[in-house]
Amino acid sequence: MRTLAIALMLVIASSANGLAWQRPQAPKLEDSVVTFYAGEFQRVVNVNQDLFGKIYPFLQEFIQNRLEISGRRLDTLQQLKMLVQRPGSSDEDIKRTIQDLDKADADMQANQERFLSNVDPLLRPRQQARVRMFQQVADQRMRQFLNSIRNPK
């Protein structure tokens, strides 16, 4: 697993040139993240190949939406930071950016709920629990990873 994670990081770092999120390279990044997430999902949740084949389209859509929403949320958060630090920023601009941030958060939650409502009926309760535990760890890793791409040190 560590080897796969390191390989994924290298692929992503090289495809993103260590810079901020760039749309032309997003498909490579998405494919790498989907591949990594899917493999870990199958292993941790412990689903057989047939069941995984049914789940995979939902998983792929979930991850693609998650990446898009995360990127939008990070952009909005950066914009909000700039607005707050800039003395001439209007309250209306700040309010609108706060609303955009809240919308991204709501979209993130809706994406999560849609994914779980699609896959839960296919899984046993123990597997449903594993999905949720896996997602906690995966979400944290994905946030750290996206932040490291957007803000290289």
N, C-alpha and C. Protein backbone atom coordinates (compact mmCIF):
# COMPACT_ATOMS: atom_id res chain seq x y z
N MET A 1 0.82 -1.19 0.00
CA MET A 1 0.00 0.00 0.00
C MET A 1 0.86 1.26 0.00
N ARG A 2 1.93 1.28 0.78
CA ARG A 2 2.80 2.45 0.81
C ARG A 2 3.45 2.67 -0.55
N THR A 3 3.84 1.58 -1.21
CA THR A 3 4.45 1.69 -2.53
C THR A 3 3.46 2.31 -3.51
N LEU A 4 2.21 1.86 -3.45
CA LEU A 4 1.18 2.41 -4.32
C LEU A 4 0.96 3.89 -4.02
N ALA A 5 0.93 4.25 -2.75
CA ALA A 5 0.74 5.65 -2.38
C ALA A 5 1.89 6.51 -2.85
N ILE A 6 3.11 6.02 -2.72
CA ILE A 6 4.27 6.76 -3.18
C ILE A 6 4.24 6.90 -4.70
N ALA A 7 3.89 5.82 -5.38
CA ALA A 7 3.79 5.88 -6.84
C ALA A 7 2.73 6.88 -7.26
N LEU A 8 1.61 6.87 -6.57
CA LEU A 8 0.54 7.82 -6.88
C LEU A 8 1.02 9.25 -6.66
N MET A 9 1.70 9.49 -5.57
CA MET A 9 2.21 10.84 -5.31
C MET A 9 3.18 11.29 -6.40
N LEU A 10 4.05 10.38 -6.84
CA LEU A 10 5.00 10.73 -7.89
C LEU A 10 4.29 11.04 -9.20
N VAL A 11 3.31 10.21 -9.55
CA VAL A 11 2.54 10.45 -10.77
C VAL A 11 1.85 11.79 -10.70
N ILE A 12 1.22 12.05 -9.58
CA ILE A 12 0.47 13.29 -9.44
C ILE A 12 1.40 14.49 -9.39
N ALA A 13 2.49 14.37 -8.66
CA ALA A 13 3.43 15.48 -8.59
C ALA A 13 4.02 15.80 -9.96
N SER A 14 4.35 14.76 -10.72
CA SER A 14 4.91 15.01 -12.04
C SER A 14 3.86 15.51 -13.01
N SER A 15 2.63 15.02 -12.89
CA SER A 15 1.58 15.47 -13.82
C SER A 15 1.13 16.88 -13.50
N ALA A 16 1.23 17.29 -12.25
CA ALA A 16 0.80 18.63 -11.86
C ALA A 16 1.98 19.60 -11.81
N ASN A 17 3.17 19.12 -12.14
CA ASN A 17 4.38 19.95 -12.11
C ASN A 17 4.59 20.61 -10.76
N GLY A 18 4.00 20.03 -9.72
CA GLY A 18 4.16 20.57 -8.38
C GLY A 18 3.48 21.92 -8.19
N LEU A 19 2.61 22.30 -9.12
CA LEU A 19 1.94 23.60 -9.03
C LEU A 19 0.49 23.42 -8.68
N ALA A 20 -0.25 24.52 -8.70
CA ALA A 20 -1.67 24.50 -8.39
C ALA A 20 -2.43 23.63 -9.39
N TRP A 21 -3.63 23.27 -9.00
CA TRP A 21 -4.53 22.46 -9.81
C TRP A 21 -4.64 23.07 -11.20
N GLN A 22 -4.42 22.25 -12.23
CA GLN A 22 -4.50 22.74 -13.60
C GLN A 22 -5.43 21.86 -14.38
N ARG A 23 -6.42 22.43 -15.04
CA ARG A 23 -7.44 21.67 -15.75
C ARG A 23 -6.88 20.73 -16.83
N PRO A 24 -5.91 21.15 -17.68
CA PRO A 24 -5.45 20.23 -18.72
C PRO A 24 -4.89 18.92 -18.16
N GLN A 25 -4.37 18.94 -16.94
CA GLN A 25 -3.78 17.74 -16.37
C GLN A 25 -4.74 17.03 -15.43
N ALA A 26 -5.93 17.58 -15.26
CA ALA A 26 -6.88 17.00 -14.32
C ALA A 26 -7.25 15.56 -14.64
N PRO A 27 -7.44 15.18 -15.92
CA PRO A 27 -7.79 13.78 -16.18
C PRO A 27 -6.74 12.79 -15.66
N LYS A 28 -5.45 13.10 -15.81
CA LYS A 28 -4.41 12.23 -15.28
C LYS A 28 -4.51 12.14 -13.77
N LEU A 29 -4.70 13.28 -13.15
CA LEU A 29 -4.83 13.33 -11.70
C LEU A 29 -6.05 12.55 -11.25
N GLU A 30 -7.17 12.79 -11.90
CA GLU A 30 -8.40 12.07 -11.55
C GLU A 30 -8.22 10.57 -11.70
N ASP A 31 -7.65 10.15 -12.82
CA ASP A 31 -7.44 8.72 -13.06
C ASP A 31 -6.57 8.11 -11.97
N SER A 32 -5.52 8.81 -11.58
CA SER A 32 -4.63 8.30 -10.54
C SER A 32 -5.34 8.19 -9.20
N VAL A 33 -6.10 9.22 -8.87
CA VAL A 33 -6.81 9.21 -7.59
C VAL A 33 -7.89 8.13 -7.60
N VAL A 34 -8.64 8.03 -8.70
CA VAL A 34 -9.69 7.01 -8.81
C VAL A 34 -9.08 5.62 -8.67
N THR A 35 -7.98 5.38 -9.36
CA THR A 35 -7.32 4.07 -9.30
C THR A 35 -6.88 3.74 -7.88
N PHE A 36 -6.23 4.70 -7.24
CA PHE A 36 -5.77 4.48 -5.87
C PHE A 36 -6.95 4.26 -4.92
N TYR A 37 -7.92 5.15 -4.98
CA TYR A 37 -9.07 5.10 -4.08
C TYR A 37 -9.84 3.80 -4.30
N ALA A 38 -10.04 3.42 -5.56
CA ALA A 38 -10.79 2.20 -5.87
C ALA A 38 -10.09 0.96 -5.32
N GLY A 39 -8.80 0.88 -5.51
CA GLY A 39 -8.05 -0.27 -5.00
C GLY A 39 -8.12 -0.37 -3.50
N GLU A 40 -7.95 0.76 -2.83
CA GLU A 40 -8.03 0.78 -1.38
C GLU A 40 -9.45 0.47 -0.90
N PHE A 41 -10.43 1.01 -1.60
CA PHE A 41 -11.83 0.76 -1.26
C PHE A 41 -12.11 -0.74 -1.31
N GLN A 42 -11.73 -1.37 -2.40
CA GLN A 42 -12.00 -2.80 -2.57
C GLN A 42 -11.32 -3.62 -1.48
N ARG A 43 -10.09 -3.24 -1.14
CA ARG A 43 -9.33 -3.98 -0.13
C ARG A 43 -9.91 -3.77 1.26
N VAL A 44 -10.16 -2.52 1.64
CA VAL A 44 -10.60 -2.21 2.99
C VAL A 44 -12.05 -2.65 3.24
N VAL A 45 -12.92 -2.39 2.27
CA VAL A 45 -14.33 -2.73 2.44
C VAL A 45 -14.55 -4.23 2.26
N ASN A 46 -13.60 -4.87 1.59
CA ASN A 46 -13.63 -6.32 1.40
C ASN A 46 -14.83 -6.76 0.54
N VAL A 47 -14.83 -6.27 -0.70
CA VAL A 47 -15.88 -6.65 -1.64
C VAL A 47 -15.27 -7.51 -2.74
N ASN A 48 -16.05 -8.48 -3.21
CA ASN A 48 -15.55 -9.35 -4.29
C ASN A 48 -15.60 -8.59 -5.62
N GLN A 49 -15.01 -9.18 -6.63
CA GLN A 49 -14.88 -8.53 -7.93
C GLN A 49 -16.24 -8.21 -8.55
N ASP A 50 -17.20 -9.13 -8.46
CA ASP A 50 -18.52 -8.88 -9.03
C ASP A 50 -19.21 -7.69 -8.38
N LEU A 51 -19.18 -7.67 -7.06
CA LEU A 51 -19.80 -6.57 -6.34
C LEU A 51 -19.07 -5.26 -6.62
N PHE A 52 -17.75 -5.33 -6.67
CA PHE A 52 -16.98 -4.12 -6.96
C PHE A 52 -17.32 -3.56 -8.34
N GLY A 53 -17.59 -4.44 -9.29
CA GLY A 53 -17.99 -3.99 -10.63
C GLY A 53 -19.28 -3.19 -10.60
N LYS A 54 -20.17 -3.53 -9.68
CA LYS A 54 -21.42 -2.77 -9.54
C LYS A 54 -21.20 -1.44 -8.83
N ILE A 55 -20.26 -1.43 -7.91
CA ILE A 55 -19.98 -0.24 -7.10
C ILE A 55 -19.10 0.75 -7.84
N TYR A 56 -18.22 0.28 -8.68
CA TYR A 56 -17.20 1.13 -9.30
C TYR A 56 -17.76 2.39 -9.99
N PRO A 57 -18.83 2.29 -10.79
CA PRO A 57 -19.33 3.54 -11.41
C PRO A 57 -19.74 4.60 -10.38
N PHE A 58 -20.34 4.17 -9.28
CA PHE A 58 -20.72 5.11 -8.22
C PHE A 58 -19.47 5.70 -7.56
N LEU A 59 -18.48 4.86 -7.36
CA LEU A 59 -17.22 5.28 -6.75
C LEU A 59 -16.51 6.29 -7.64
N GLN A 60 -16.46 6.00 -8.91
CA GLN A 60 -15.80 6.89 -9.86
C GLN A 60 -16.49 8.26 -9.90
N GLU A 61 -17.80 8.25 -9.96
CA GLU A 61 -18.56 9.51 -9.97
C GLU A 61 -18.34 10.28 -8.67
N PHE A 62 -18.37 9.57 -7.55
CA PHE A 62 -18.15 10.19 -6.25
C PHE A 62 -16.80 10.89 -6.19
N ILE A 63 -15.76 10.20 -6.63
CA ILE A 63 -14.41 10.76 -6.56
C ILE A 63 -14.26 11.94 -7.51
N GLN A 64 -14.76 11.81 -8.72
CA GLN A 64 -14.67 12.92 -9.67
C GLN A 64 -15.40 14.15 -9.13
N ASN A 65 -16.59 13.95 -8.59
CA ASN A 65 -17.32 15.07 -7.99
C ASN A 65 -16.56 15.64 -6.81
N ARG A 66 -16.01 14.75 -6.01
CA ARG A 66 -15.26 15.17 -4.82
C ARG A 66 -14.07 16.04 -5.20
N LEU A 67 -13.35 15.64 -6.22
CA LEU A 67 -12.19 16.42 -6.66
C LEU A 67 -12.61 17.79 -7.18
N GLU A 68 -13.68 17.82 -7.94
CA GLU A 68 -14.17 19.09 -8.49
C GLU A 68 -14.62 20.00 -7.36
N ILE A 69 -15.39 19.47 -6.44
CA ILE A 69 -15.90 20.27 -5.32
C ILE A 69 -14.75 20.74 -4.43
N SER A 70 -13.81 19.85 -4.16
CA SER A 70 -12.66 20.22 -3.32
C SER A 70 -11.85 21.33 -3.96
N GLY A 71 -11.64 21.23 -5.26
CA GLY A 71 -10.91 22.28 -5.97
C GLY A 71 -11.64 23.61 -5.90
N ARG A 72 -12.94 23.55 -6.11
CA ARG A 72 -13.77 24.77 -6.04
C ARG A 72 -13.75 25.34 -4.62
N ARG A 73 -13.82 24.48 -3.63
CA ARG A 73 -13.82 24.93 -2.24
C ARG A 73 -12.48 25.58 -1.88
N LEU A 74 -11.38 24.97 -2.30
CA LEU A 74 -10.07 25.54 -2.01
C LEU A 74 -9.89 26.89 -2.70
N ASP A 75 -10.35 27.00 -3.94
CA ASP A 75 -10.28 28.28 -4.66
C ASP A 75 -11.08 29.35 -3.92
N THR A 76 -12.27 28.98 -3.48
CA THR A 76 -13.14 29.92 -2.78
C THR A 76 -12.53 30.33 -1.44
N LEU A 77 -11.94 29.38 -0.76
CA LEU A 77 -11.30 29.68 0.52
C LEU A 77 -10.13 30.64 0.32
N GLN A 78 -9.35 30.41 -0.73
CA GLN A 78 -8.24 31.32 -1.04
C GLN A 78 -8.77 32.72 -1.34
N GLN A 79 -9.85 32.79 -2.12
CA GLN A 79 -10.46 34.07 -2.46
C GLN A 79 -10.95 34.78 -1.20
N LEU A 80 -11.55 34.02 -0.29
CA LEU A 80 -12.04 34.59 0.96
C LEU A 80 -10.89 35.15 1.79
N LYS A 81 -9.80 34.43 1.85
CA LYS A 81 -8.62 34.91 2.60
C LYS A 81 -8.12 36.22 2.02
N MET A 82 -8.06 36.29 0.69
CA MET A 82 -7.60 37.52 0.04
C MET A 82 -8.55 38.68 0.32
N LEU A 83 -9.86 38.41 0.25
CA LEU A 83 -10.83 39.46 0.50
C LEU A 83 -10.74 40.00 1.93
N VAL A 84 -10.56 39.11 2.88
CA VAL A 84 -10.49 39.52 4.29
C VAL A 84 -9.22 40.33 4.55
N GLN A 85 -8.14 39.97 3.88
CA GLN A 85 -6.87 40.67 4.10
C GLN A 85 -6.79 41.99 3.35
N ARG A 86 -7.56 42.14 2.30
CA ARG A 86 -7.51 43.36 1.47
C ARG A 86 -8.41 44.42 2.10
N PRO A 87 -7.84 45.57 2.43
CA PRO A 87 -8.62 46.62 3.11
C PRO A 87 -9.81 47.13 2.29
N GLY A 88 -9.74 47.15 0.99
CA GLY A 88 -10.81 47.72 0.19
C GLY A 88 -11.92 46.75 -0.20
N SER A 89 -11.91 45.54 0.32
CA SER A 89 -12.92 44.55 -0.04
C SER A 89 -14.29 44.94 0.50
N SER A 90 -15.29 44.78 -0.34
CA SER A 90 -16.65 45.13 0.10
C SER A 90 -17.27 43.98 0.89
N ASP A 91 -18.18 44.36 1.76
CA ASP A 91 -18.92 43.35 2.53
C ASP A 91 -19.71 42.44 1.61
N GLU A 92 -20.21 42.99 0.51
CA GLU A 92 -20.99 42.18 -0.43
C GLU A 92 -20.13 41.11 -1.08
N ASP A 93 -18.89 41.46 -1.44
CA ASP A 93 -17.97 40.46 -2.02
C ASP A 93 -17.66 39.36 -1.01
N ILE A 94 -17.46 39.77 0.23
CA ILE A 94 -17.17 38.79 1.29
C ILE A 94 -18.38 37.89 1.52
N LYS A 95 -19.57 38.47 1.60
CA LYS A 95 -20.79 37.68 1.80
C LYS A 95 -21.00 36.69 0.66
N ARG A 96 -20.80 37.14 -0.57
CA ARG A 96 -20.97 36.27 -1.73
C ARG A 96 -19.96 35.10 -1.70
N THR A 97 -18.75 35.40 -1.30
CA THR A 97 -17.72 34.35 -1.22
C THR A 97 -18.02 33.37 -0.10
N ILE A 98 -18.54 33.87 1.01
CA ILE A 98 -18.96 32.99 2.10
C ILE A 98 -20.08 32.06 1.62
N GLN A 99 -21.02 32.61 0.87
CA GLN A 99 -22.11 31.79 0.32
C GLN A 99 -21.57 30.72 -0.63
N ASP A 100 -20.57 31.08 -1.43
CA ASP A 100 -19.95 30.10 -2.34
C ASP A 100 -19.26 28.99 -1.56
N LEU A 101 -18.60 29.36 -0.46
CA LEU A 101 -17.94 28.37 0.38
C LEU A 101 -18.96 27.44 1.03
N ASP A 102 -20.04 28.03 1.54
CA ASP A 102 -21.10 27.23 2.14
C ASP A 102 -21.74 26.29 1.11
N LYS A 103 -21.88 26.77 -0.11
CA LYS A 103 -22.45 25.94 -1.19
C LYS A 103 -21.52 24.76 -1.49
N ALA A 104 -20.23 25.01 -1.53
CA ALA A 104 -19.27 23.92 -1.77
C ALA A 104 -19.35 22.88 -0.64
N ASP A 105 -19.47 23.34 0.59
CA ASP A 105 -19.62 22.41 1.72
C ASP A 105 -20.90 21.59 1.60
N ALA A 106 -21.99 22.24 1.22
CA ALA A 106 -23.27 21.53 1.04
C ALA A 106 -23.17 20.54 -0.12
N ASP A 107 -22.49 20.93 -1.19
CA ASP A 107 -22.31 20.03 -2.33
C ASP A 107 -21.47 18.81 -1.93
N MET A 108 -20.49 19.03 -1.08
CA MET A 108 -19.65 17.92 -0.60
C MET A 108 -20.50 16.92 0.19
N GLN A 109 -21.34 17.44 1.06
CA GLN A 109 -22.22 16.57 1.86
C GLN A 109 -23.23 15.85 0.97
N ALA A 110 -23.80 16.54 0.01
CA ALA A 110 -24.78 15.92 -0.90
C ALA A 110 -24.12 14.82 -1.73
N ASN A 111 -22.89 15.05 -2.16
CA ASN A 111 -22.15 14.04 -2.93
C ASN A 111 -21.93 12.79 -2.08
N GLN A 112 -21.56 12.99 -0.84
CA GLN A 112 -21.35 11.88 0.10
C GLN A 112 -22.64 11.09 0.30
N GLU A 113 -23.73 11.80 0.54
CA GLU A 113 -25.01 11.14 0.78
C GLU A 113 -25.48 10.37 -0.46
N ARG A 114 -25.29 10.95 -1.64
CA ARG A 114 -25.69 10.29 -2.88
C ARG A 114 -24.88 8.99 -3.07
N PHE A 115 -23.57 9.07 -2.82
CA PHE A 115 -22.73 7.89 -2.94
C PHE A 115 -23.18 6.78 -1.99
N LEU A 116 -23.38 7.14 -0.73
CA LEU A 116 -23.77 6.13 0.25
C LEU A 116 -25.15 5.54 -0.05
N SER A 117 -26.06 6.37 -0.52
CA SER A 117 -27.40 5.85 -0.85
C SER A 117 -27.36 4.91 -2.04
N ASN A 118 -26.37 5.07 -2.90
CA ASN A 118 -26.22 4.17 -4.05
C ASN A 118 -25.53 2.86 -3.68
N VAL A 119 -24.53 2.91 -2.80
CA VAL A 119 -23.76 1.70 -2.50
C VAL A 119 -24.26 0.92 -1.29
N ASP A 120 -24.86 1.59 -0.32
CA ASP A 120 -25.32 0.89 0.87
C ASP A 120 -26.24 -0.30 0.57
N PRO A 121 -27.19 -0.16 -0.34
CA PRO A 121 -28.06 -1.32 -0.61
C PRO A 121 -27.32 -2.54 -1.16
N LEU A 122 -26.12 -2.33 -1.69
CA LEU A 122 -25.35 -3.43 -2.25
C LEU A 122 -24.47 -4.13 -1.20
N LEU A 123 -24.34 -3.52 -0.04
CA LEU A 123 -23.39 -3.98 0.97
C LEU A 123 -24.07 -4.53 2.21
N ARG A 124 -23.35 -5.40 2.89
CA ARG A 124 -23.79 -5.88 4.20
C ARG A 124 -23.46 -4.79 5.23
N PRO A 125 -24.12 -4.82 6.40
CA PRO A 125 -23.88 -3.78 7.41
C PRO A 125 -22.40 -3.63 7.79
N ARG A 126 -21.66 -4.71 7.91
CA ARG A 126 -20.24 -4.62 8.26
C ARG A 126 -19.46 -3.88 7.16
N GLN A 127 -19.82 -4.14 5.92
CA GLN A 127 -19.16 -3.46 4.80
C GLN A 127 -19.56 -1.98 4.77
N GLN A 128 -20.80 -1.69 5.09
CA GLN A 128 -21.25 -0.29 5.17
C GLN A 128 -20.42 0.46 6.21
N ALA A 129 -20.19 -0.19 7.33
CA ALA A 129 -19.38 0.43 8.38
C ALA A 129 -17.94 0.65 7.90
N ARG A 130 -17.40 -0.32 7.19
CA ARG A 130 -16.04 -0.19 6.66
C ARG A 130 -15.93 0.96 5.66
N VAL A 131 -16.98 1.15 4.86
CA VAL A 131 -16.99 2.26 3.91
C VAL A 131 -16.83 3.58 4.67
N ARG A 132 -17.58 3.74 5.71
CA ARG A 132 -17.54 4.98 6.46
C ARG A 132 -16.20 5.20 7.15
N MET A 133 -15.64 4.14 7.71
CA MET A 133 -14.33 4.26 8.34
C MET A 133 -13.26 4.56 7.29
N PHE A 134 -13.35 3.87 6.16
CA PHE A 134 -12.40 4.11 5.07
C PHE A 134 -12.49 5.55 4.59
N GLN A 135 -13.70 6.06 4.45
CA GLN A 135 -13.87 7.40 3.93
C GLN A 135 -13.29 8.46 4.87
N GLN A 136 -13.35 8.24 6.16
CA GLN A 136 -12.74 9.19 7.10
C GLN A 136 -11.25 9.33 6.82
N VAL A 137 -10.58 8.20 6.70
CA VAL A 137 -9.14 8.21 6.45
C VAL A 137 -8.85 8.74 5.05
N ALA A 138 -9.60 8.27 4.06
CA ALA A 138 -9.38 8.68 2.67
C ALA A 138 -9.65 10.17 2.49
N ASP A 139 -10.69 10.69 3.13
CA ASP A 139 -10.99 12.12 3.03
C ASP A 139 -9.85 12.96 3.58
N GLN A 140 -9.32 12.55 4.71
CA GLN A 140 -8.22 13.27 5.32
C GLN A 140 -7.00 13.24 4.40
N ARG A 141 -6.68 12.07 3.85
CA ARG A 141 -5.55 11.96 2.93
C ARG A 141 -5.77 12.79 1.67
N MET A 142 -7.00 12.78 1.15
CA MET A 142 -7.29 13.53 -0.06
C MET A 142 -7.14 15.03 0.18
N ARG A 143 -7.62 15.51 1.32
CA ARG A 143 -7.47 16.94 1.64
C ARG A 143 -6.00 17.32 1.76
N GLN A 144 -5.23 16.50 2.47
CA GLN A 144 -3.80 16.77 2.62
C GLN A 144 -3.11 16.75 1.26
N PHE A 145 -3.49 15.78 0.46
CA PHE A 145 -2.89 15.64 -0.85
C PHE A 145 -3.20 16.84 -1.75
N LEU A 146 -4.47 17.23 -1.80
CA LEU A 146 -4.86 18.37 -2.63
C LEU A 146 -4.20 19.66 -2.14
N ASN A 147 -4.11 19.81 -0.84
CA ASN A 147 -3.42 20.99 -0.29
C ASN A 147 -1.95 20.99 -0.65
N SER A 148 -1.31 19.81 -0.64
CA SER A 148 0.11 19.75 -0.98
C SER A 148 0.35 20.06 -2.46
N ILE A 149 -0.60 19.72 -3.31
CA ILE A 149 -0.45 20.04 -4.73
C ILE A 149 -0.67 21.53 -4.95
N ARG A 150 -1.65 22.07 -4.29
CA ARG A 150 -1.98 23.48 -4.48
C ARG A 150 -0.99 24.41 -3.80
N ASN A 151 -0.40 23.96 -2.72
CA ASN A 151 0.53 24.81 -1.95
C ASN A 151 1.84 24.07 -1.69
N PRO A 152 2.63 23.85 -2.74
CA PRO A 152 3.89 23.11 -2.53
C PRO A 152 4.82 23.92 -1.62
N LYS A 153 5.59 23.20 -0.83
CA LYS A 153 6.48 23.88 0.12
C LYS A 153 7.84 24.12 -0.47
